C-alpha atoms as a PDB file:
ATOM      1  CA  MET A   1     -13.951  13.015 -18.795  1.00  0.00           C
ATOM      2  CA  ASN A   2     -12.731  10.485 -21.382  1.00  0.00           C
ATOM      3  CA  ASP A   3     -14.990   9.501 -24.218  1.00  0.00           C
ATOM      4  CA  ILE A   4     -15.194   5.927 -26.398  1.00  0.00           C
ATOM      5  CA  SER A   5     -13.323   6.921 -28.619  1.00  0.00           C
ATOM      6  CA  SER A   6     -10.335   8.101 -26.332  1.00  0.00           C
ATOM      7  CA  LEU A   7     -10.260   4.607 -24.816  1.00  0.00           C
ATOM      8  CA  SER A   8     -10.420   2.660 -28.275  1.00  0.00           C
ATOM      9  CA  THR A   9      -6.643   1.720 -27.927  1.00  0.00           C
ATOM     10  CA  LEU A  10      -7.033   0.260 -24.782  1.00  0.00           C
ATOM     11  CA  PRO A  11      -8.033  -3.282 -23.551  1.00  0.00           C
ATOM     12  CA  ALA A  12     -11.877  -3.324 -23.677  1.00  0.00           C
ATOM     13  CA  HIS A  13     -12.552  -4.016 -19.587  1.00  0.00           C
ATOM     14  CA  LEU A  14      -9.878  -1.431 -18.852  1.00  0.00           C
ATOM     15  CA  GLN A  15     -11.742   0.846 -20.722  1.00  0.00           C
ATOM     16  CA  GLU A  16     -14.670   0.144 -18.546  1.00  0.00           C
ATOM     17  CA  LEU A  17     -12.829   0.106 -15.323  1.00  0.00           C
ATOM     18  CA  ILE A  18     -11.795   3.832 -16.290  1.00  0.00           C
ATOM     19  CA  LEU A  19     -15.130   4.844 -17.126  1.00  0.00           C
ATOM     20  CA  LEU A  20     -16.748   3.039 -13.500  1.00  0.00           C
ATOM     21  CA  ILE A  21     -13.580   4.552 -11.296  1.00  0.00           C
ATOM     22  CA  GLN A  22     -14.547   7.685 -12.884  1.00  0.00           C
ATOM     23  CA  ARG A  23     -18.235   7.537 -11.873  1.00  0.00           C
ATOM     24  CA  HIS A  24     -17.480   6.261  -8.162  1.00  0.00           C
ATOM     25  CA  ALA A  25     -14.183   9.062  -7.627  1.00  0.00           C
ATOM     26  CA  PRO A  26     -15.914  11.859  -9.089  1.00  0.00           C
ATOM     27  CA  SER A  27     -13.958  14.187  -7.188  1.00  0.00           C
ATOM     28  CA  GLU A  28      -9.818  14.759  -6.144  1.00  0.00           C
ATOM     29  CA  GLY A  29      -8.342  12.067  -3.314  1.00  0.00           C
ATOM     30  CA  THR A  30      -9.367   8.681  -1.968  1.00  0.00           C
ATOM     31  CA  HIS A  31     -12.582   7.400  -1.903  1.00  0.00           C
ATOM     32  CA  ALA A  32     -14.126   4.699  -0.386  1.00  0.00           C
ATOM     33  CA  SER A  33     -16.826   2.423  -1.487  1.00  0.00           C
ATOM     34  CA  ASP A  34     -20.037  -0.141  -0.097  1.00  0.00           C
ATOM     35  CA  VAL A  35     -17.629  -2.752  -0.618  1.00  0.00           C
ATOM     36  CA  PRO A  36     -14.932  -2.135   2.856  1.00  0.00           C
ATOM     37  CA  GLU A  37     -12.180  -3.686   1.684  1.00  0.00           C
ATOM     38  CA  LEU A  38     -11.840  -1.851  -2.076  1.00  0.00           C
ATOM     39  CA  CYS A  39     -11.508   1.958  -2.613  1.00  0.00           C
ATOM     40  CA  PHE A  40     -10.190   4.190  -5.283  1.00  0.00           C
ATOM     41  CA  ARG A  41      -7.872   7.311  -5.990  1.00  0.00           C
ATOM     42  CA  ARG A  42      -8.007  10.193  -8.349  1.00  0.00           C
ATOM     43  CA  ALA A  43      -5.587  12.952  -9.268  1.00  0.00           C
ATOM     44  CA  SER A  44      -5.746  15.539 -11.852  1.00  0.00           C
ATOM     45  CA  GLN A  45      -2.218  16.756 -11.730  1.00  0.00           C
ATOM     46  CA  VAL A  46       1.609  15.089 -10.519  1.00  0.00           C
ATOM     47  CA  SER A  47       2.514  15.288  -7.201  1.00  0.00           C
ATOM     48  CA  GLU A  48       5.136  15.746  -5.270  1.00  0.00           C
ATOM     49  CA  PRO A  49       6.780  12.428  -3.239  1.00  0.00           C
ATOM     50  CA  ARG A  50       4.886  11.881  -0.417  1.00  0.00           C
ATOM     51  CA  HIS A  51       5.570   9.229   2.562  1.00  0.00           C
ATOM     52  CA  SER A  52       3.265   6.788   3.344  1.00  0.00           C
ATOM     53  CA  VAL A  53       2.686   3.264   4.827  1.00  0.00           C
ATOM     54  CA  ASN A  54       1.543   0.704   2.348  1.00  0.00           C
ATOM     55  CA  THR A  55      -1.182  -1.426   3.736  1.00  0.00           C
ATOM     56  CA  PRO A  56      -1.838  -5.356   2.824  1.00  0.00           C
ATOM     57  CA  SER A  57      -3.593  -4.821  -0.792  1.00  0.00           C
ATOM     58  CA  LEU A  58      -3.418  -4.925  -4.651  1.00  0.00           C
ATOM     59  CA  TYR A  59      -2.975  -1.664  -6.508  1.00  0.00           C
ATOM     60  CA  VAL A  60      -4.164  -1.543  -9.479  1.00  0.00           C
ATOM     61  CA  ILE A  61      -3.390   1.835 -11.753  1.00  0.00           C
ATOM     62  CA  VAL A  62      -6.151   1.834 -15.195  1.00  0.00           C
ATOM     63  CA  GLN A  63      -4.881   5.507 -16.100  1.00  0.00           C
ATOM     64  CA  GLY A  64      -2.046   7.606 -15.769  1.00  0.00           C
ATOM     65  CA  SER A  65       1.212   6.457 -13.778  1.00  0.00           C
ATOM     66  CA  LYS A  66       2.757   6.321 -11.167  1.00  0.00           C
ATOM     67  CA  THR A  67       6.269   5.250  -8.629  1.00  0.00           C
ATOM     68  CA  ALA A  68       6.810   3.914  -5.143  1.00  0.00           C
ATOM     69  CA  SER A  69       9.834   3.747  -3.610  1.00  0.00           C
ATOM     70  CA  LEU A  70      11.534   1.555  -0.895  1.00  0.00           C
ATOM     71  CA  ALA A  71      14.399   2.483   0.227  1.00  0.00           C
ATOM     72  CA  GLY A  72      16.382   3.080  -2.772  1.00  0.00           C
ATOM     73  CA  ASP A  73      14.228   0.537  -4.884  1.00  0.00           C
ATOM     74  CA  THR A  74      11.729   2.138  -7.162  1.00  0.00           C
ATOM     75  CA  TYR A  75       9.103   0.654  -8.532  1.00  0.00           C
ATOM     76  CA  ARG A  76       7.229   2.391 -11.662  1.00  0.00           C
ATOM     77  CA  CYS A  77       3.528   1.284 -12.524  1.00  0.00           C
ATOM     78  CA  SER A  78       1.628   1.960 -15.805  1.00  0.00           C
ATOM     79  CA  PRO A  79      -2.036   1.559 -16.631  1.00  0.00           C
ATOM     80  CA  GLY A  80      -3.023  -2.448 -16.357  1.00  0.00           C
ATOM     81  CA  SER A  81      -0.420  -3.182 -14.014  1.00  0.00           C
ATOM     82  CA  TYR A  82      -0.917  -3.872 -10.241  1.00  0.00           C
ATOM     83  CA  MET A  83       1.356  -3.843  -7.679  1.00  0.00           C
ATOM     84  CA  VAL A  84       0.546  -6.165  -4.429  1.00  0.00           C
ATOM     85  CA  SER A  85       2.026  -5.576  -0.943  1.00  0.00           C
ATOM     86  CA  PRO A  86       1.285  -8.627   1.603  1.00  0.00           C
ATOM     87  CA  VAL A  87       3.190  -6.230   4.477  1.00  0.00           C
ATOM     88  CA  HIS A  88       2.929  -3.012   5.704  1.00  0.00           C
ATOM     89  CA  LEU A  89       5.699  -0.789   4.390  1.00  0.00           C
ATOM     90  CA  PRO A  90       6.748   2.493   4.372  1.00  0.00           C
ATOM     91  CA  VAL A  91       7.234   3.551   0.503  1.00  0.00           C
ATOM     92  CA  VAL A  92       7.441   7.505  -0.671  1.00  0.00           C
ATOM     93  CA  GLY A  93       5.113   7.445  -3.347  1.00  0.00           C
ATOM     94  CA  MET A  94       4.575   9.658  -6.152  1.00  0.00           C
ATOM     95  CA  ILE A  95       1.951  10.251  -9.607  1.00  0.00           C
ATOM     96  CA  THR A  96       3.761  10.641 -12.424  1.00  0.00           C
ATOM     97  CA  GLU A  97       0.973  11.133 -15.115  1.00  0.00           C
ATOM     98  CA  ALA A  98      -2.037  12.602 -14.623  1.00  0.00           C
ATOM     99  CA  THR A  99      -3.783  15.711 -15.981  1.00  0.00           C
ATOM    100  CA  PRO A 100      -7.242  16.957 -15.605  1.00  0.00           C
ATOM    101  CA  GLU A 101      -8.253  15.343 -19.141  1.00  0.00           C
ATOM    102  CA  LEU A 102      -6.686  12.092 -18.414  1.00  0.00           C
ATOM    103  CA  PRO A 103      -6.324  12.059 -14.008  1.00  0.00           C
ATOM    104  CA  TYR A 104      -4.821   9.076 -12.799  1.00  0.00           C
ATOM    105  CA  LEU A 105      -6.861   6.557 -11.185  1.00  0.00           C
ATOM    106  CA  SER A 106      -6.526   3.941  -9.435  1.00  0.00           C
ATOM    107  CA  LEU A 107      -8.295   0.890  -7.184  1.00  0.00           C
ATOM    108  CA  GLN A 108      -6.944  -0.971  -4.093  1.00  0.00           C
ATOM    109  CA  LEU A 109      -7.973  -4.029  -2.711  1.00  0.00           C
ATOM    110  CA  SER A 110      -7.058  -4.671   0.388  1.00  0.00           C
ATOM    111  CA  ILE A 111      -5.767  -8.088   1.852  1.00  0.00           C
ATOM    112  CA  ARG A 112      -6.959 -10.263   4.418  1.00  0.00           C
ATOM    113  CA  PRO A 113      -4.155 -13.110   5.032  1.00  0.00           C
ATOM    114  CA  GLU A 114      -6.859 -16.308   6.044  1.00  0.00           C
ATOM    115  CA  VAL A 115      -8.362 -15.148   2.596  1.00  0.00           C
ATOM    116  CA  ILE A 116      -4.753 -16.113   0.954  1.00  0.00           C
ATOM    117  CA  LEU A 117      -4.523 -18.897   2.796  1.00  0.00           C
ATOM    118  CA  ASP A 118      -7.695 -20.723   2.113  1.00  0.00           C
ATOM    119  CA  ILE A 119      -7.066 -19.938  -1.443  1.00  0.00           C
ATOM    120  CA  ILE A 120      -3.712 -22.085  -0.600  1.00  0.00           C
ATOM    121  CA  HIS A 121      -5.607 -24.479   0.824  1.00  0.00           C
ATOM    122  CA  SER A 122      -8.084 -25.160  -1.981  1.00  0.00           C
ATOM    123  CA  SER A 123      -6.273 -24.553  -4.594  1.00  0.00           C
ATOM    124  CA  GLY A 124      -3.225 -27.279  -3.961  1.00  0.00           C
ATOM    125  CA  PRO A 125       0.435 -27.237  -2.989  1.00  0.00           C
ATOM    126  CA  GLN A 126       2.371 -23.961  -3.585  1.00  0.00           C
ATOM    127  CA  ARG A 127       4.982 -23.714  -5.529  1.00  0.00           C
ATOM    128  CA  GLU A 128       8.251 -23.359  -3.049  1.00  0.00           C
ATOM    129  CA  ALA A 129       9.934 -19.637  -2.884  1.00  0.00           C
ATOM    130  CA  LYS A 130      13.012 -17.775  -1.520  1.00  0.00           C
ATOM    131  CA  THR A 131      12.294 -14.137   1.037  1.00  0.00           C
ATOM    132  CA  GLU A 132      11.288 -11.903  -1.992  1.00  0.00           C
ATOM    133  CA  ARG A 133      11.178  -8.239  -1.838  1.00  0.00           C
ATOM    134  CA  GLY A 134       7.371  -7.338  -0.170  1.00  0.00           C
ATOM    135  CA  ILE A 135       6.432  -5.373  -3.153  1.00  0.00           C
ATOM    136  CA  LEU A 136       5.434  -7.280  -6.538  1.00  0.00           C
ATOM    137  CA  LEU A 137       4.706  -5.745  -9.587  1.00  0.00           C
ATOM    138  CA  GLY A 138       2.266  -7.318 -12.099  1.00  0.00           C
ATOM    139  CA  GLN A 139       0.601  -7.364 -15.478  1.00  0.00           C
ATOM    140  CA  SER A 140      -3.243  -7.437 -15.440  1.00  0.00           C
ATOM    141  CA  ASP A 141      -4.321 -10.288 -17.786  1.00  0.00           C
ATOM    142  CA  THR A 142      -8.044 -10.729 -18.859  1.00  0.00           C
ATOM    143  CA  PRO A 143      -9.246 -13.014 -16.120  1.00  0.00           C
ATOM    144  CA  LEU A 144      -8.378 -10.546 -13.320  1.00  0.00           C
ATOM    145  CA  LEU A 145      -9.915  -7.277 -14.790  1.00  0.00           C
ATOM    146  CA  GLU A 146     -12.607  -9.260 -15.861  1.00  0.00           C
ATOM    147  CA  GLY A 147     -12.948  -9.792 -12.007  1.00  0.00           C
ATOM    148  CA  LEU A 148     -12.004  -6.160 -11.354  1.00  0.00           C
ATOM    149  CA  VAL A 149     -14.580  -5.256 -13.401  1.00  0.00           C
ATOM    150  CA  ARG A 150     -17.060  -7.028 -11.898  1.00  0.00           C
ATOM    151  CA  LEU A 151     -16.536  -6.319  -8.614  1.00  0.00           C
ATOM    152  CA  VAL A 152     -16.908  -2.388  -9.378  1.00  0.00           C
ATOM    153  CA  ARG A 153     -20.191  -3.119 -11.141  1.00  0.00           C
ATOM    154  CA  LEU A 154     -21.085  -4.401  -8.074  1.00  0.00           C
ATOM    155  CA  LEU A 155     -21.721  -1.065  -5.995  1.00  0.00           C
ATOM    156  CA  ASP A 156     -24.795  -0.317  -8.380  1.00  0.00           C
ATOM    157  CA  THR A 157     -26.542  -3.420  -6.649  1.00  0.00           C
ATOM    158  CA  PRO A 158     -25.893  -2.778  -2.803  1.00  0.00           C
ATOM    159  CA  GLU A 159     -28.099  -5.209  -1.740  1.00  0.00           C
ATOM    160  CA  ASP A 160     -25.838  -8.119  -3.378  1.00  0.00           C
ATOM    161  CA  ILE A 161     -22.463  -6.780  -2.007  1.00  0.00           C
ATOM    162  CA  GLU A 162     -22.849  -8.668   1.245  1.00  0.00           C
ATOM    163  CA  PHE A 163     -23.102 -12.077  -0.545  1.00  0.00           C
ATOM    164  CA  LEU A 164     -21.813 -11.347  -4.068  1.00  0.00           C
ATOM    165  CA  ALA A 165     -18.352  -9.535  -3.077  1.00  0.00           C
ATOM    166  CA  PRO A 166     -16.169 -11.793  -0.889  1.00  0.00           C
ATOM    167  CA  MET A 167     -16.103 -14.447  -3.643  1.00  0.00           C
ATOM    168  CA  MET A 168     -15.513 -11.940  -6.359  1.00  0.00           C
ATOM    169  CA  ILE A 169     -12.779 -10.913  -3.942  1.00  0.00           C
ATOM    170  CA  ARG A 170     -11.776 -14.252  -3.513  1.00  0.00           C
ATOM    171  CA  GLU A 171     -11.712 -14.994  -7.469  1.00  0.00           C
ATOM    172  CA  ILE A 172      -9.411 -11.340  -7.816  1.00  0.00           C
ATOM    173  CA  LEU A 173      -6.967 -12.517  -5.074  1.00  0.00           C
ATOM    174  CA  TYR A 174      -6.830 -16.050  -7.184  1.00  0.00           C
ATOM    175  CA  ARG A 175      -6.115 -14.723 -10.291  1.00  0.00           C
ATOM    176  CA  VAL A 176      -3.366 -12.975  -8.792  1.00  0.00           C
ATOM    177  CA  MET A 177      -2.239 -16.196  -6.799  1.00  0.00           C
ATOM    178  CA  LYS A 178      -2.153 -18.065 -10.183  1.00  0.00           C
ATOM    179  CA  GLY A 179       0.074 -15.551 -11.966  1.00  0.00           C
ATOM    180  CA  ASP A 180       3.704 -14.989 -11.870  1.00  0.00           C
ATOM    181  CA  HIS A 181       4.275 -13.883  -7.888  1.00  0.00           C
ATOM    182  CA  GLY A 182       1.877 -16.383  -6.215  1.00  0.00           C
ATOM    183  CA  ALA A 183       4.274 -18.663  -5.177  1.00  0.00           C
ATOM    184  CA  ILE A 184       6.088 -15.555  -3.299  1.00  0.00           C
ATOM    185  CA  LEU A 185       2.547 -14.356  -2.137  1.00  0.00           C
ATOM    186  CA  SER A 186       1.257 -17.432  -0.762  1.00  0.00           C
ATOM    187  CA  GLN A 187       4.828 -17.524   1.653  1.00  0.00           C
ATOM    188  CA  PHE A 188       3.330 -14.106   3.513  1.00  0.00           C
ATOM    189  CA  SER A 189       0.482 -16.839   4.861  1.00  0.00           C
ATOM    190  CA  ILE A 190       1.682 -19.830   5.476  1.00  0.00           C
ATOM    191  CA  ALA A 191       3.054 -20.476   8.779  1.00  0.00           C
ATOM    192  CA  GLY A 192       6.733 -21.216   9.707  1.00  0.00           C
ATOM    193  CA  SER A 193       7.885 -19.507   6.247  1.00  0.00           C
ATOM    194  CA  TYR A 194      10.774 -16.874   6.733  1.00  0.00           C
ATOM    195  CA  SER A 195       7.701 -14.794   4.889  1.00  0.00           C
ATOM    196  CA  TYR A 196       5.518 -15.666   7.404  1.00  0.00           C
ATOM    197  CA  ASN A 197       7.555 -14.417  10.589  1.00  0.00           C
ATOM    198  CA  ILE A 198       8.881 -11.486   8.819  1.00  0.00           C
ATOM    199  CA  SER A 199       4.953 -10.653   8.394  1.00  0.00           C
ATOM    200  CA  LYS A 200       4.505 -11.614  12.340  1.00  0.00           C
ATOM    201  CA  ALA A 201       7.865  -9.078  13.171  1.00  0.00           C
ATOM    202  CA  ILE A 202       6.172  -6.263  10.800  1.00  0.00           C
ATOM    203  CA  HIS A 203       2.571  -6.547  12.623  1.00  0.00           C
ATOM    204  CA  LEU A 204       4.574  -6.239  16.327  1.00  0.00           C
ATOM    205  CA  ILE A 205       6.809  -3.067  15.524  1.00  0.00           C
ATOM    206  CA  ASN A 206       3.414  -1.312  13.943  1.00  0.00           C
ATOM    207  CA  ARG A 207       1.866  -2.075  17.058  1.00  0.00           C
ATOM    208  CA  ASP A 208       4.364  -1.422  19.658  1.00  0.00           C
ATOM    209  CA  TYR A 209       6.371   1.452  17.479  1.00  0.00           C
ATOM    210  CA  SER A 210       6.796   3.725  20.787  1.00  0.00           C
ATOM    211  CA  LYS A 211       8.463   1.474  22.694  1.00  0.00           C
ATOM    212  CA  PRO A 212      12.312   0.268  22.686  1.00  0.00           C
ATOM    213  CA  LEU A 213      12.929  -2.408  20.069  1.00  0.00           C
ATOM    214  CA  VAL A 214      14.920  -5.165  21.275  1.00  0.00           C
ATOM    215  CA  ILE A 215      16.056  -7.371  18.489  1.00  0.00           C
ATOM    216  CA  GLU A 216      16.643 -10.449  20.696  1.00  0.00           C
ATOM    217  CA  GLU A 217      12.481 -10.232  22.114  1.00  0.00           C
ATOM    218  CA  LEU A 218      11.320  -9.880  18.760  1.00  0.00           C
ATOM    219  CA  ALA A 219      13.212 -12.184  16.754  1.00  0.00           C
ATOM    220  CA  LYS A 220      11.968 -14.453  19.630  1.00  0.00           C
ATOM    221  CA  GLU A 221       8.422 -13.222  19.052  1.00  0.00           C
ATOM    222  CA  ALA A 222       8.859 -14.446  15.614  1.00  0.00           C
ATOM    223  CA  ASN A 223      10.341 -17.470  16.237  1.00  0.00           C
ATOM    224  CA  MET A 224      14.116 -16.547  14.677  1.00  0.00           C
ATOM    225  CA  SER A 225      17.390 -16.125  15.077  1.00  0.00           C
ATOM    226  CA  PRO A 226      18.515 -12.469  15.582  1.00  0.00           C
ATOM    227  CA  SER A 227      21.083 -13.202  12.437  1.00  0.00           C
ATOM    228  CA  SER A 228      18.202 -14.159  10.939  1.00  0.00           C
ATOM    229  CA  LEU A 229      15.988 -12.104  11.588  1.00  0.00           C
ATOM    230  CA  HIS A 230      17.731  -8.926  10.381  1.00  0.00           C
ATOM    231  CA  LYS A 231      18.522 -11.391   6.423  1.00  0.00           C
ATOM    232  CA  HIS A 232      14.819 -12.370   6.068  1.00  0.00           C
ATOM    233  CA  PHE A 233      13.412  -8.827   7.366  1.00  0.00           C
ATOM    234  CA  LYS A 234      16.019  -6.812   5.234  1.00  0.00           C
ATOM    235  CA  LYS A 235      15.318  -8.905   1.921  1.00  0.00           C
ATOM    236  CA  VAL A 236      11.268  -8.219   2.660  1.00  0.00           C
ATOM    237  CA  THR A 237      11.416  -4.475   3.184  1.00  0.00           C
ATOM    238  CA  ALA A 238      14.519  -3.394   2.260  1.00  0.00           C
ATOM    239  CA  ILE A 239      15.795  -1.764   5.624  1.00  0.00           C
ATOM    240  CA  SER A 240      16.735  -3.075   9.146  1.00  0.00           C
ATOM    241  CA  PRO A 241      14.166  -4.054  11.797  1.00  0.00           C
ATOM    242  CA  LEU A 242      15.312  -0.527  13.536  1.00  0.00           C
ATOM    243  CA  GLN A 243      15.213   1.672  10.507  1.00  0.00           C
ATOM    244  CA  TYR A 244      12.085  -0.264   9.777  1.00  0.00           C
ATOM    245  CA  GLN A 245      10.675   1.490  13.372  1.00  0.00           C
ATOM    246  CA  LYS A 246      11.691   4.521  12.721  1.00  0.00           C
ATOM    247  CA  SER A 247      10.258   5.133   9.332  1.00  0.00           C
ATOM    248  CA  ILE A 248       7.096   3.563  11.400  1.00  0.00           C
ATOM    249  CA  ARG A 249       7.274   6.117  14.449  1.00  0.00           C
ATOM    250  CA  LEU A 250       8.524   9.420  12.295  1.00  0.00           C
ATOM    251  CA  GLN A 251       5.089   9.179   9.611  1.00  0.00           C
ATOM    252  CA  ASN A 252       2.855   8.442  12.918  1.00  0.00           C
ATOM    253  CA  ALA A 253       4.546  11.398  14.558  1.00  0.00           C
ATOM    254  CA  ARG A 254       3.845  13.164  11.224  1.00  0.00           C
ATOM    255  CA  ARG A 255       0.515  12.447  11.272  1.00  0.00           C
ATOM    256  CA  LEU A 256       0.042  13.230  14.787  1.00  0.00           C
ATOM    257  CA  LEU A 257       1.623  17.074  13.560  1.00  0.00           C
ATOM    258  CA  LEU A 258      -0.828  17.375  11.160  1.00  0.00           C
ATOM    259  CA  SER A 259      -4.130  16.083  12.418  1.00  0.00           C
ATOM    260  CA  GLU A 260      -3.738  16.975  16.653  1.00  0.00           C
ATOM    261  CA  GLY A 261      -1.666  20.386  16.038  1.00  0.00           C
ATOM    262  CA  LEU A 262       1.035  19.073  18.631  1.00  0.00           C
ATOM    263  CA  GLU A 263       4.058  21.017  19.525  1.00  0.00           C
ATOM    264  CA  ALA A 264       6.858  18.914  18.051  1.00  0.00           C
ATOM    265  CA  ALA A 265       8.538  17.531  21.009  1.00  0.00           C
ATOM    266  CA  ASP A 266       5.337  16.456  22.081  1.00  0.00           C
ATOM    267  CA  ALA A 267       4.759  14.693  18.882  1.00  0.00           C
ATOM    268  CA  GLY A 268       8.262  12.798  18.797  1.00  0.00           C
ATOM    269  CA  PHE A 269       7.547  11.987  22.699  1.00  0.00           C
ATOM    270  CA  ARG A 270       4.236  10.369  21.545  1.00  0.00           C
ATOM    271  CA  VAL A 271       6.150   7.806  19.276  1.00  0.00           C
ATOM    272  CA  GLY A 272       8.359   7.362  21.153  1.00  0.00           C
ATOM    273  CA  TYR A 273      11.683   9.498  21.041  1.00  0.00           C
ATOM    274  CA  GLU A 274      12.926  10.418  24.293  1.00  0.00           C
ATOM    275  CA  SER A 275      15.036  13.476  22.716  1.00  0.00           C
ATOM    276  CA  PRO A 276      13.610  16.640  21.041  1.00  0.00           C
ATOM    277  CA  SER A 277      17.023  17.199  18.867  1.00  0.00           C
ATOM    278  CA  GLN A 278      17.068  13.473  17.841  1.00  0.00           C
ATOM    279  CA  PHE A 279      13.456  13.337  17.043  1.00  0.00           C
ATOM    280  CA  SER A 280      13.734  17.183  15.148  1.00  0.00           C
ATOM    281  CA  ARG A 281      17.070  15.589  12.872  1.00  0.00           C
ATOM    282  CA  GLU A 282      15.920  12.656  12.352  1.00  0.00           C
ATOM    283  CA  TYR A 283      12.495  14.340  11.073  1.00  0.00           C
ATOM    284  CA  VAL A 284      14.449  16.498   8.913  1.00  0.00           C
ATOM    285  CA  ARG A 285      16.428  13.703   7.322  1.00  0.00           C
ATOM    286  CA  MET A 286      13.556  11.675   6.864  1.00  0.00           C
ATOM    287  CA  PHE A 287      10.984  14.667   5.273  1.00  0.00           C
ATOM    288  CA  GLY A 288      13.517  17.521   3.942  1.00  0.00           C
ATOM    289  CA  ARG A 289      12.348  19.909   6.455  1.00  0.00           C
ATOM    290  CA  PRO A 290      11.729  21.287  10.550  1.00  0.00           C
ATOM    291  CA  PRO A 291       9.147  19.361  11.899  1.00  0.00           C
ATOM    292  CA  MET A 292       6.960  22.552  12.133  1.00  0.00           C
ATOM    293  CA  ASN A 293       7.906  23.926   8.840  1.00  0.00           C
ATOM    294  CA  ASP A 294       6.995  20.756   6.846  1.00  0.00           C
ATOM    295  CA  VAL A 295       3.237  20.567   8.357  1.00  0.00           C
ATOM    296  CA  LYS A 296       3.127  24.377   7.334  1.00  0.00           C
ATOM    297  CA  HIS A 297       4.052  23.342   3.766  1.00  0.00           C
ATOM    298  CA  LEU A 298       1.701  20.353   4.156  1.00  0.00           C
ATOM    299  CA  ARG A 299      -1.401  22.510   4.854  1.00  0.00           C
ATOM    300  CA  ASN A 300      -0.418  24.857   2.267  1.00  0.00           C
ATOM    301  CA  THR A 301      -0.375  22.590  -0.563  1.00  0.00           C
ATOM    302  CA  LEU A 302      -3.960  20.499   0.939  1.00  0.00           C
ATOM    303  CA  SER A 303      -4.909  24.201   0.855  1.00  0.00           C
ATOM    304  CA  VAL A 304      -3.953  24.456  -2.433  1.00  0.00           C
ATOM    305  CA  HIS A 305      -5.016  21.600  -3.811  1.00  0.00           C
ATOM    306  CA  ALA A 306      -9.052  22.268  -2.017  1.00  0.00           C
ATOM    307  CA  ASP A 307      -9.485  25.214  -3.923  1.00  0.00           C
ATOM    308  CA  GLU A 308      -8.357  23.928  -7.194  1.00  0.00           C
END
C-alpha cells in the first residue's frame, strides 16, 4: 500500500482519492459501492486487451494507466485524467501500468441523460457543437477532484447517501459539463440533435441486437435519413450500424459462452446468427481464437488471477 510520502508529488485531492479507493477496493477487480452509480476498479498487473461495452459513464483514473481503443482510435488515460462515454460503445481496454505496490485504481460514475438535461436547463444555453466521437478525454481540475473526494467520503456515512449523493453527482457532472467537452456532451441529451438521434439508434440496436438490422427502419425510428444515420453514426462510434451490431452480438455471445456454458452454435443462434460457420469466423476475427478455445483461455486466465 502507498504511504503518504510516496504520494507527496501528486495534487492533494488525487492523493486522497488514491487512499480512499484503496480502502474501498482492497482486492482485485471491480467493487460496487453503497452509491448505486459509483464503483471502483483495482488491478495489480497490466492486462491483456479486453473487449467490453462502455456504458454511459464518467471514468476517472487515479493511479496507473490504461488505454481504450475504438475501431483503431486509441485513447490513453493517466492519473488524474478522465474519460466520458455518453453512449454504449464497444471498446478494447488494456491496463498498461500497474504493480502490486502501485496498483491501477479508478472509479466509474454512471451517467443518466436526465441528469445531464437538468444541468443543461439549469446552467443556461450550451454552445453548439458538431457531432463528435462518443469518447471524450479530459484532465481533472481541482473542483472536479474535490467533488469526487466528497462523494467517496460519503460512503463512510451511509445514512447520508440517499439525500446527499444525488446532489454530489449532479455537481460532479456539472464540473465535467463546464469543461472543454461540455458542449459536445450536452448534444447527446438534447432532443433533435444528431448526437441525440444517434444515441437513440444505439439504444435500439442494443435492445434488439439479436434481430436483423434494417437500416431504413432504424433511421426512421431515429428521425434521420439512412445516409445521415450512416454519416453521424460513424462519427460517434467510428463504425457503421451493422459493424456496431456485430460487435454487440459477439460480445454477448462471449458472455453467454463463459457464464452459461453454451455450445458455440447455440450461443451464435441466441445472439442472432443463423450460420454457425459465419459466427465462428467472425468470432475468431474479433477475439483471435475459436469460441471454445477462447472460453478455455478466459477461464484459465480468471483462475490464475483468482489464485494470485
